[in-house]
Each structure stands twice: as C-alpha cells, then as structure tokens.
Amino acid sequence: MRIAVSACLLGVACKYNGGDNLNEHVVCVLEGHEVVPICPEQLGGLSTPRQRSEIRDAEVVNEFGESVDAAFRAGARRAWEQIERAGGCDAAVLQPRSPSCGVGTVYDGSFSGVLVAGDGIFAQLLKAHNVPVLTPDQFLEAFGR
C-alpha cells in the first residue's frame, strides 16, 4: 500500500511550534508500506515555527485573526500534486485536530481548545478525491499488528 502521512507524525519538525508529533506506533506499522510524507502547511509557504491557526467560519485564521486561508488551500493543492506524482495513495494517516489534516474534529477558531465536528483543509481535499483518511488511532486499529 502507498500511504500519505502527515510528516509531523513521522518525526519531521514541521508543527506550528517547530516540534513534531512523532508516533512511533504508526511508524512501526508503516514498515513495509510505501510512505508519502506530507506537510501541507509548509507546502503552502508557511514557516516553521508559525502562528497557531484554526478554522473559523470555513476560513483558516491565525491567532491574531489574520486570514491564512490562501496558504492552507495552496498547501493542500500542492500536497495533492505531490501525492499524484508519487502515483497516488491508498489511504492517508493525518494529524488530528489540525486545520490542515484534522479528521472528524478540528479546533473551532476561538483558540480556546474547543473542538467541533469537521475536517481540515487537506483532509477535505483528500475526501473529495475519495482517499480514505484516518487518524493515527484509526490507522492503528485497522492495520496495527
């Protein structure tokens, strides 16, 4: 299987705060699969570190209320193009709650830690292309050994 994976889950320091979300269990289960690491936010031209961002009224804004929506959407498109150049993917494992990669829930745009139902910009694009998107927990439940 070819699996697109949020690069931060693989230990790449591309989180908004300059850190990562390394998930060693996901990395272990990915052994034997072709992995396409993706960070839509960096692909959209956003720096690392960068201001926190959340989705508010279908627009991605940073913690100062400035729209960064265009960068998030450009990054999602570039990430999709990268996946297509790799030959497509059978599924994607994405970082939860992220305004790019969140699957099922994202922060509500108030920067107060409140979660709401919804998907990040990149997760939405993958779903529009009929790619199954999974959180790390869902991936481990489905494919874990």
N, C-alpha and C. Protein backbone atom coordinates (compact mmCIF):
# COMPACT_ATOMS: atom_id res chain seq x y z
N MET A 1 0.84 -1.19 0.00
CA MET A 1 0.00 0.00 0.00
C MET A 1 0.88 1.25 0.00
N ARG A 2 0.40 2.28 -0.68
CA ARG A 2 1.04 3.60 -0.63
C ARG A 2 0.18 4.48 0.27
N ILE A 3 0.79 5.02 1.32
CA ILE A 3 0.05 5.76 2.34
C ILE A 3 0.66 7.15 2.49
N ALA A 4 -0.17 8.18 2.33
CA ALA A 4 0.25 9.54 2.62
C ALA A 4 0.17 9.73 4.13
N VAL A 5 1.16 10.39 4.71
CA VAL A 5 1.22 10.53 6.16
C VAL A 5 1.62 11.96 6.51
N SER A 6 0.93 12.55 7.46
CA SER A 6 1.35 13.85 7.98
C SER A 6 2.81 13.72 8.42
N ALA A 7 3.67 14.55 7.86
CA ALA A 7 5.10 14.45 8.13
C ALA A 7 5.42 14.57 9.62
N CYS A 8 4.65 15.37 10.34
CA CYS A 8 4.91 15.53 11.78
C CYS A 8 4.76 14.21 12.52
N LEU A 9 3.89 13.32 12.05
CA LEU A 9 3.71 12.01 12.69
C LEU A 9 4.93 11.12 12.51
N LEU A 10 5.73 11.44 11.48
CA LEU A 10 6.94 10.68 11.20
C LEU A 10 8.17 11.26 11.90
N GLY A 11 7.95 12.33 12.67
CA GLY A 11 9.05 12.93 13.41
C GLY A 11 9.66 14.15 12.75
N VAL A 12 9.09 14.60 11.65
CA VAL A 12 9.59 15.81 10.99
C VAL A 12 9.15 17.02 11.81
N ALA A 13 10.07 17.90 12.10
CA ALA A 13 9.78 19.09 12.92
C ALA A 13 9.12 20.15 12.05
N CYS A 14 7.82 19.97 11.80
CA CYS A 14 7.08 20.89 10.94
C CYS A 14 5.81 21.42 11.60
N LYS A 15 5.62 21.12 12.89
CA LYS A 15 4.47 21.67 13.62
C LYS A 15 4.57 23.18 13.71
N TYR A 16 3.45 23.81 13.99
CA TYR A 16 3.42 25.27 14.12
C TYR A 16 4.45 25.78 15.11
N ASN A 17 4.74 25.01 16.17
CA ASN A 17 5.67 25.47 17.21
C ASN A 17 7.10 24.98 16.98
N GLY A 18 7.34 24.38 15.83
CA GLY A 18 8.68 23.89 15.49
C GLY A 18 8.95 22.47 15.93
N GLY A 19 8.00 21.86 16.62
CA GLY A 19 8.16 20.49 17.08
C GLY A 19 7.59 19.48 16.10
N ASP A 20 7.36 18.28 16.60
CA ASP A 20 6.77 17.22 15.78
C ASP A 20 5.72 16.48 16.60
N ASN A 21 5.05 15.55 15.98
CA ASN A 21 4.06 14.70 16.64
C ASN A 21 4.43 13.23 16.42
N LEU A 22 5.72 12.92 16.54
CA LEU A 22 6.20 11.56 16.26
C LEU A 22 5.30 10.53 16.94
N ASN A 23 4.83 9.58 16.12
CA ASN A 23 4.02 8.48 16.64
C ASN A 23 4.75 7.19 16.26
N GLU A 24 5.52 6.67 17.20
CA GLU A 24 6.36 5.51 16.92
C GLU A 24 5.54 4.28 16.55
N HIS A 25 4.33 4.16 17.10
CA HIS A 25 3.47 3.01 16.76
C HIS A 25 3.06 3.10 15.29
N VAL A 26 2.70 4.29 14.82
CA VAL A 26 2.34 4.46 13.41
C VAL A 26 3.55 4.15 12.54
N VAL A 27 4.72 4.68 12.91
CA VAL A 27 5.94 4.44 12.12
C VAL A 27 6.20 2.94 12.02
N CYS A 28 6.03 2.22 13.10
CA CYS A 28 6.27 0.78 13.11
C CYS A 28 5.31 0.05 12.17
N VAL A 29 4.02 0.41 12.24
CA VAL A 29 3.02 -0.26 11.41
C VAL A 29 3.20 0.11 9.92
N LEU A 30 3.79 1.25 9.66
CA LEU A 30 4.02 1.66 8.26
C LEU A 30 5.13 0.86 7.58
N GLU A 31 5.95 0.15 8.38
CA GLU A 31 7.02 -0.66 7.79
C GLU A 31 6.44 -1.60 6.74
N GLY A 32 7.08 -1.64 5.59
CA GLY A 32 6.62 -2.49 4.50
C GLY A 32 5.66 -1.80 3.56
N HIS A 33 5.23 -0.59 3.90
CA HIS A 33 4.36 0.19 3.03
C HIS A 33 5.16 1.34 2.42
N GLU A 34 4.73 1.80 1.26
CA GLU A 34 5.33 2.99 0.68
C GLU A 34 4.70 4.20 1.35
N VAL A 35 5.52 5.09 1.87
CA VAL A 35 5.05 6.24 2.62
C VAL A 35 5.33 7.52 1.83
N VAL A 36 4.32 8.38 1.76
CA VAL A 36 4.47 9.70 1.15
C VAL A 36 4.29 10.73 2.27
N PRO A 37 5.41 11.27 2.81
CA PRO A 37 5.29 12.26 3.88
C PRO A 37 4.79 13.60 3.33
N ILE A 38 3.87 14.22 4.05
CA ILE A 38 3.23 15.45 3.58
C ILE A 38 3.12 16.45 4.73
N CYS A 39 3.48 17.71 4.46
CA CYS A 39 3.14 18.80 5.37
C CYS A 39 2.51 19.91 4.53
N PRO A 40 1.18 19.93 4.42
CA PRO A 40 0.52 20.93 3.59
C PRO A 40 0.83 22.37 4.00
N GLU A 41 1.05 22.58 5.28
CA GLU A 41 1.29 23.96 5.74
C GLU A 41 2.63 24.47 5.23
N GLN A 42 3.67 23.64 5.28
CA GLN A 42 4.94 24.05 4.71
C GLN A 42 4.83 24.17 3.19
N LEU A 43 4.12 23.25 2.57
CA LEU A 43 3.95 23.31 1.11
C LEU A 43 3.18 24.55 0.69
N GLY A 44 2.39 25.11 1.60
CA GLY A 44 1.66 26.34 1.32
C GLY A 44 2.50 27.59 1.55
N GLY A 45 3.76 27.40 1.94
CA GLY A 45 4.66 28.53 2.12
C GLY A 45 4.72 29.08 3.53
N LEU A 46 4.06 28.42 4.47
CA LEU A 46 4.10 28.88 5.86
C LEU A 46 5.41 28.44 6.51
N SER A 47 5.95 29.28 7.36
CA SER A 47 7.23 28.99 8.00
C SER A 47 7.02 28.04 9.19
N THR A 48 8.12 27.50 9.65
CA THR A 48 8.13 26.71 10.87
C THR A 48 9.24 27.28 11.73
N PRO A 49 8.94 27.76 12.93
CA PRO A 49 7.60 27.83 13.53
C PRO A 49 6.75 28.91 12.88
N ARG A 50 5.45 28.89 13.22
CA ARG A 50 4.47 29.84 12.68
C ARG A 50 3.39 30.07 13.72
N GLN A 51 2.56 31.05 13.49
CA GLN A 51 1.44 31.32 14.40
C GLN A 51 0.47 30.14 14.38
N ARG A 52 -0.15 29.87 15.52
CA ARG A 52 -1.21 28.85 15.57
C ARG A 52 -2.33 29.30 14.63
N SER A 53 -2.98 28.32 14.01
CA SER A 53 -4.11 28.61 13.12
C SER A 53 -5.25 27.66 13.42
N GLU A 54 -6.45 28.13 13.19
CA GLU A 54 -7.66 27.33 13.37
C GLU A 54 -8.66 27.73 12.29
N ILE A 55 -9.66 26.89 12.11
CA ILE A 55 -10.71 27.17 11.13
C ILE A 55 -11.86 27.88 11.84
N ARG A 56 -12.20 29.05 11.32
CA ARG A 56 -13.32 29.84 11.86
C ARG A 56 -14.23 30.20 10.70
N ASP A 57 -15.48 29.76 10.75
CA ASP A 57 -16.45 30.06 9.68
C ASP A 57 -15.89 29.69 8.31
N ALA A 58 -15.32 28.49 8.21
CA ALA A 58 -14.80 27.91 6.96
C ALA A 58 -13.57 28.64 6.43
N GLU A 59 -12.94 29.49 7.24
CA GLU A 59 -11.72 30.19 6.83
C GLU A 59 -10.64 29.92 7.87
N VAL A 60 -9.42 29.66 7.41
CA VAL A 60 -8.31 29.45 8.32
C VAL A 60 -7.73 30.81 8.69
N VAL A 61 -7.68 31.05 10.00
CA VAL A 61 -7.12 32.31 10.52
C VAL A 61 -6.05 31.97 11.55
N ASN A 62 -5.09 32.88 11.70
CA ASN A 62 -4.09 32.66 12.74
C ASN A 62 -4.57 33.27 14.04
N GLU A 63 -3.77 33.12 15.08
CA GLU A 63 -4.20 33.55 16.40
C GLU A 63 -4.34 35.06 16.53
N PHE A 64 -3.89 35.81 15.52
CA PHE A 64 -4.07 37.27 15.51
C PHE A 64 -5.28 37.68 14.68
N GLY A 65 -6.04 36.67 14.19
CA GLY A 65 -7.23 36.95 13.40
C GLY A 65 -6.96 37.21 11.94
N GLU A 66 -5.71 37.03 11.52
CA GLU A 66 -5.36 37.26 10.11
C GLU A 66 -5.67 36.01 9.30
N SER A 67 -6.22 36.20 8.11
CA SER A 67 -6.52 35.07 7.24
C SER A 67 -5.23 34.47 6.69
N VAL A 68 -5.09 33.16 6.86
CA VAL A 68 -4.01 32.40 6.24
C VAL A 68 -4.62 31.31 5.36
N ASP A 69 -5.88 31.51 5.02
CA ASP A 69 -6.65 30.54 4.27
C ASP A 69 -6.01 30.22 2.92
N ALA A 70 -5.55 31.24 2.21
CA ALA A 70 -4.97 31.02 0.88
C ALA A 70 -3.75 30.10 0.98
N ALA A 71 -2.91 30.29 1.99
CA ALA A 71 -1.72 29.45 2.15
C ALA A 71 -2.13 28.00 2.47
N PHE A 72 -3.15 27.82 3.31
CA PHE A 72 -3.59 26.47 3.64
C PHE A 72 -4.18 25.77 2.42
N ARG A 73 -4.95 26.48 1.63
CA ARG A 73 -5.55 25.87 0.44
C ARG A 73 -4.49 25.59 -0.63
N ALA A 74 -3.53 26.50 -0.81
CA ALA A 74 -2.44 26.26 -1.75
C ALA A 74 -1.61 25.06 -1.31
N GLY A 75 -1.35 24.97 -0.02
CA GLY A 75 -0.59 23.83 0.50
C GLY A 75 -1.31 22.51 0.31
N ALA A 76 -2.62 22.52 0.49
CA ALA A 76 -3.41 21.30 0.27
C ALA A 76 -3.31 20.87 -1.19
N ARG A 77 -3.43 21.85 -2.11
CA ARG A 77 -3.31 21.53 -3.54
C ARG A 77 -1.92 20.98 -3.88
N ARG A 78 -0.90 21.62 -3.34
CA ARG A 78 0.48 21.15 -3.61
C ARG A 78 0.72 19.77 -3.00
N ALA A 79 0.15 19.52 -1.85
CA ALA A 79 0.28 18.20 -1.23
C ALA A 79 -0.40 17.14 -2.11
N TRP A 80 -1.58 17.47 -2.63
CA TRP A 80 -2.26 16.54 -3.52
C TRP A 80 -1.42 16.28 -4.77
N GLU A 81 -0.83 17.34 -5.33
CA GLU A 81 0.03 17.18 -6.51
C GLU A 81 1.22 16.28 -6.19
N GLN A 82 1.79 16.43 -5.00
CA GLN A 82 2.91 15.59 -4.58
C GLN A 82 2.47 14.13 -4.50
N ILE A 83 1.29 13.89 -3.97
CA ILE A 83 0.77 12.52 -3.89
C ILE A 83 0.55 11.97 -5.30
N GLU A 84 -0.02 12.77 -6.18
CA GLU A 84 -0.24 12.31 -7.56
C GLU A 84 1.09 11.95 -8.23
N ARG A 85 2.13 12.78 -8.04
CA ARG A 85 3.46 12.49 -8.63
C ARG A 85 4.03 11.19 -8.08
N ALA A 86 3.67 10.84 -6.85
CA ALA A 86 4.13 9.60 -6.24
C ALA A 86 3.33 8.39 -6.72
N GLY A 87 2.29 8.64 -7.53
CA GLY A 87 1.47 7.55 -8.04
C GLY A 87 0.16 7.38 -7.32
N GLY A 88 -0.23 8.39 -6.54
CA GLY A 88 -1.48 8.32 -5.77
C GLY A 88 -1.25 7.66 -4.42
N CYS A 89 -2.32 7.46 -3.70
CA CYS A 89 -2.20 6.77 -2.41
C CYS A 89 -3.48 5.99 -2.15
N ASP A 90 -3.33 4.96 -1.34
CA ASP A 90 -4.46 4.10 -0.98
C ASP A 90 -5.20 4.61 0.25
N ALA A 91 -4.50 5.40 1.06
CA ALA A 91 -5.08 5.95 2.29
C ALA A 91 -4.16 7.05 2.78
N ALA A 92 -4.64 7.81 3.76
CA ALA A 92 -3.83 8.84 4.39
C ALA A 92 -4.01 8.76 5.90
N VAL A 93 -2.90 8.93 6.62
CA VAL A 93 -2.90 8.99 8.09
C VAL A 93 -2.54 10.42 8.45
N LEU A 94 -3.47 11.12 9.09
CA LEU A 94 -3.33 12.56 9.29
C LEU A 94 -3.38 12.95 10.76
N GLN A 95 -2.67 14.03 11.07
CA GLN A 95 -2.60 14.56 12.44
C GLN A 95 -3.96 15.08 12.89
N PRO A 96 -4.48 14.57 13.99
CA PRO A 96 -5.78 15.02 14.48
C PRO A 96 -5.83 16.50 14.82
N ARG A 97 -7.00 17.05 14.67
CA ARG A 97 -7.37 18.41 15.11
C ARG A 97 -6.73 19.53 14.31
N SER A 98 -5.82 19.23 13.43
CA SER A 98 -5.10 20.23 12.66
C SER A 98 -6.01 20.94 11.66
N PRO A 99 -5.80 22.25 11.43
CA PRO A 99 -6.60 22.95 10.42
C PRO A 99 -6.29 22.47 9.01
N SER A 100 -5.17 21.76 8.83
CA SER A 100 -4.86 21.13 7.55
C SER A 100 -5.34 19.69 7.52
N CYS A 101 -4.95 18.94 8.53
CA CYS A 101 -5.06 17.49 8.50
C CYS A 101 -6.10 16.88 9.42
N GLY A 102 -6.78 17.68 10.20
CA GLY A 102 -7.76 17.15 11.14
C GLY A 102 -8.80 16.28 10.44
N VAL A 103 -9.13 15.17 11.06
CA VAL A 103 -10.13 14.24 10.52
C VAL A 103 -11.25 14.09 11.54
N GLY A 104 -12.42 14.58 11.19
CA GLY A 104 -13.58 14.41 12.06
C GLY A 104 -13.79 15.51 13.07
N THR A 105 -12.70 16.05 13.61
CA THR A 105 -12.79 17.18 14.54
C THR A 105 -11.63 18.13 14.31
N VAL A 106 -11.91 19.41 14.48
CA VAL A 106 -10.90 20.47 14.39
C VAL A 106 -11.22 21.50 15.47
N TYR A 107 -10.24 22.35 15.76
CA TYR A 107 -10.49 23.43 16.71
C TYR A 107 -11.44 24.44 16.09
N ASP A 108 -12.24 25.10 16.93
CA ASP A 108 -13.36 25.92 16.46
C ASP A 108 -13.01 27.34 16.03
N GLY A 109 -11.77 27.74 16.11
CA GLY A 109 -11.38 29.07 15.68
C GLY A 109 -11.35 30.09 16.80
N SER A 110 -11.65 29.67 18.02
CA SER A 110 -11.63 30.59 19.16
C SER A 110 -10.29 30.55 19.90
N PHE A 111 -9.43 29.60 19.54
CA PHE A 111 -8.13 29.42 20.18
C PHE A 111 -8.26 29.18 21.68
N SER A 112 -9.34 28.48 22.04
CA SER A 112 -9.60 28.16 23.44
C SER A 112 -9.62 26.66 23.69
N GLY A 113 -9.20 25.87 22.70
CA GLY A 113 -9.16 24.41 22.87
C GLY A 113 -10.46 23.70 22.61
N VAL A 114 -11.48 24.42 22.10
CA VAL A 114 -12.78 23.82 21.84
C VAL A 114 -12.75 23.11 20.48
N LEU A 115 -13.18 21.85 20.49
CA LEU A 115 -13.24 21.06 19.26
C LEU A 115 -14.66 21.04 18.71
N VAL A 116 -14.76 21.04 17.38
CA VAL A 116 -16.04 20.92 16.70
C VAL A 116 -15.91 19.87 15.59
N ALA A 117 -17.04 19.36 15.15
CA ALA A 117 -17.04 18.41 14.04
C ALA A 117 -16.55 19.11 12.78
N GLY A 118 -15.70 18.42 12.04
CA GLY A 118 -15.22 18.97 10.78
C GLY A 118 -13.87 18.38 10.43
N ASP A 119 -13.41 18.72 9.24
CA ASP A 119 -12.14 18.24 8.73
C ASP A 119 -11.26 19.42 8.36
N GLY A 120 -9.94 19.21 8.41
CA GLY A 120 -9.00 20.20 7.95
C GLY A 120 -9.06 20.36 6.43
N ILE A 121 -8.44 21.40 5.93
CA ILE A 121 -8.48 21.73 4.50
C ILE A 121 -7.92 20.59 3.65
N PHE A 122 -6.77 20.03 4.03
CA PHE A 122 -6.17 18.94 3.27
C PHE A 122 -7.02 17.68 3.38
N ALA A 123 -7.52 17.38 4.57
CA ALA A 123 -8.38 16.21 4.74
C ALA A 123 -9.63 16.32 3.86
N GLN A 124 -10.19 17.52 3.76
CA GLN A 124 -11.35 17.74 2.88
C GLN A 124 -11.01 17.43 1.43
N LEU A 125 -9.83 17.89 1.00
CA LEU A 125 -9.42 17.65 -0.38
C LEU A 125 -9.22 16.16 -0.66
N LEU A 126 -8.59 15.46 0.28
CA LEU A 126 -8.41 14.02 0.10
C LEU A 126 -9.75 13.31 0.01
N LYS A 127 -10.68 13.67 0.88
CA LYS A 127 -12.00 13.05 0.83
C LYS A 127 -12.70 13.34 -0.49
N ALA A 128 -12.52 14.55 -1.02
CA ALA A 128 -13.13 14.89 -2.31
C ALA A 128 -12.55 14.02 -3.43
N HIS A 129 -11.34 13.51 -3.24
CA HIS A 129 -10.71 12.61 -4.21
C HIS A 129 -10.88 11.14 -3.81
N ASN A 130 -11.80 10.89 -2.88
CA ASN A 130 -12.14 9.53 -2.44
C ASN A 130 -10.99 8.77 -1.82
N VAL A 131 -10.07 9.49 -1.17
CA VAL A 131 -8.98 8.84 -0.44
C VAL A 131 -9.45 8.64 1.00
N PRO A 132 -9.38 7.42 1.52
CA PRO A 132 -9.72 7.20 2.92
C PRO A 132 -8.74 7.95 3.83
N VAL A 133 -9.25 8.74 4.75
CA VAL A 133 -8.41 9.47 5.69
C VAL A 133 -8.63 8.93 7.09
N LEU A 134 -7.54 8.73 7.81
CA LEU A 134 -7.58 8.11 9.12
C LEU A 134 -6.75 8.91 10.11
N THR A 135 -7.21 8.95 11.34
CA THR A 135 -6.37 9.46 12.42
C THR A 135 -5.35 8.36 12.74
N PRO A 136 -4.30 8.67 13.48
CA PRO A 136 -3.38 7.61 13.88
C PRO A 136 -4.08 6.47 14.64
N ASP A 137 -5.00 6.80 15.54
CA ASP A 137 -5.71 5.76 16.28
C ASP A 137 -6.52 4.87 15.35
N GLN A 138 -7.21 5.47 14.38
CA GLN A 138 -7.99 4.68 13.42
C GLN A 138 -7.08 3.79 12.58
N PHE A 139 -5.93 4.34 12.17
CA PHE A 139 -4.97 3.57 11.38
C PHE A 139 -4.46 2.37 12.17
N LEU A 140 -4.09 2.63 13.43
CA LEU A 140 -3.56 1.53 14.25
C LEU A 140 -4.64 0.48 14.51
N GLU A 141 -5.87 0.91 14.69
CA GLU A 141 -6.95 -0.05 14.90
C GLU A 141 -7.16 -0.91 13.66
N ALA A 142 -7.08 -0.30 12.48
CA ALA A 142 -7.33 -1.02 11.24
C ALA A 142 -6.13 -1.87 10.78
N PHE A 143 -4.91 -1.36 11.00
CA PHE A 143 -3.73 -2.01 10.41
C PHE A 143 -2.69 -2.46 11.42
N GLY A 144 -2.88 -2.12 12.69
CA GLY A 144 -1.89 -2.46 13.71
C GLY A 144 -1.66 -3.94 13.82
N ARG A 145 -0.47 -4.23 14.30
CA ARG A 145 -0.12 -5.65 14.45
C ARG A 145 -0.06 -6.00 15.90
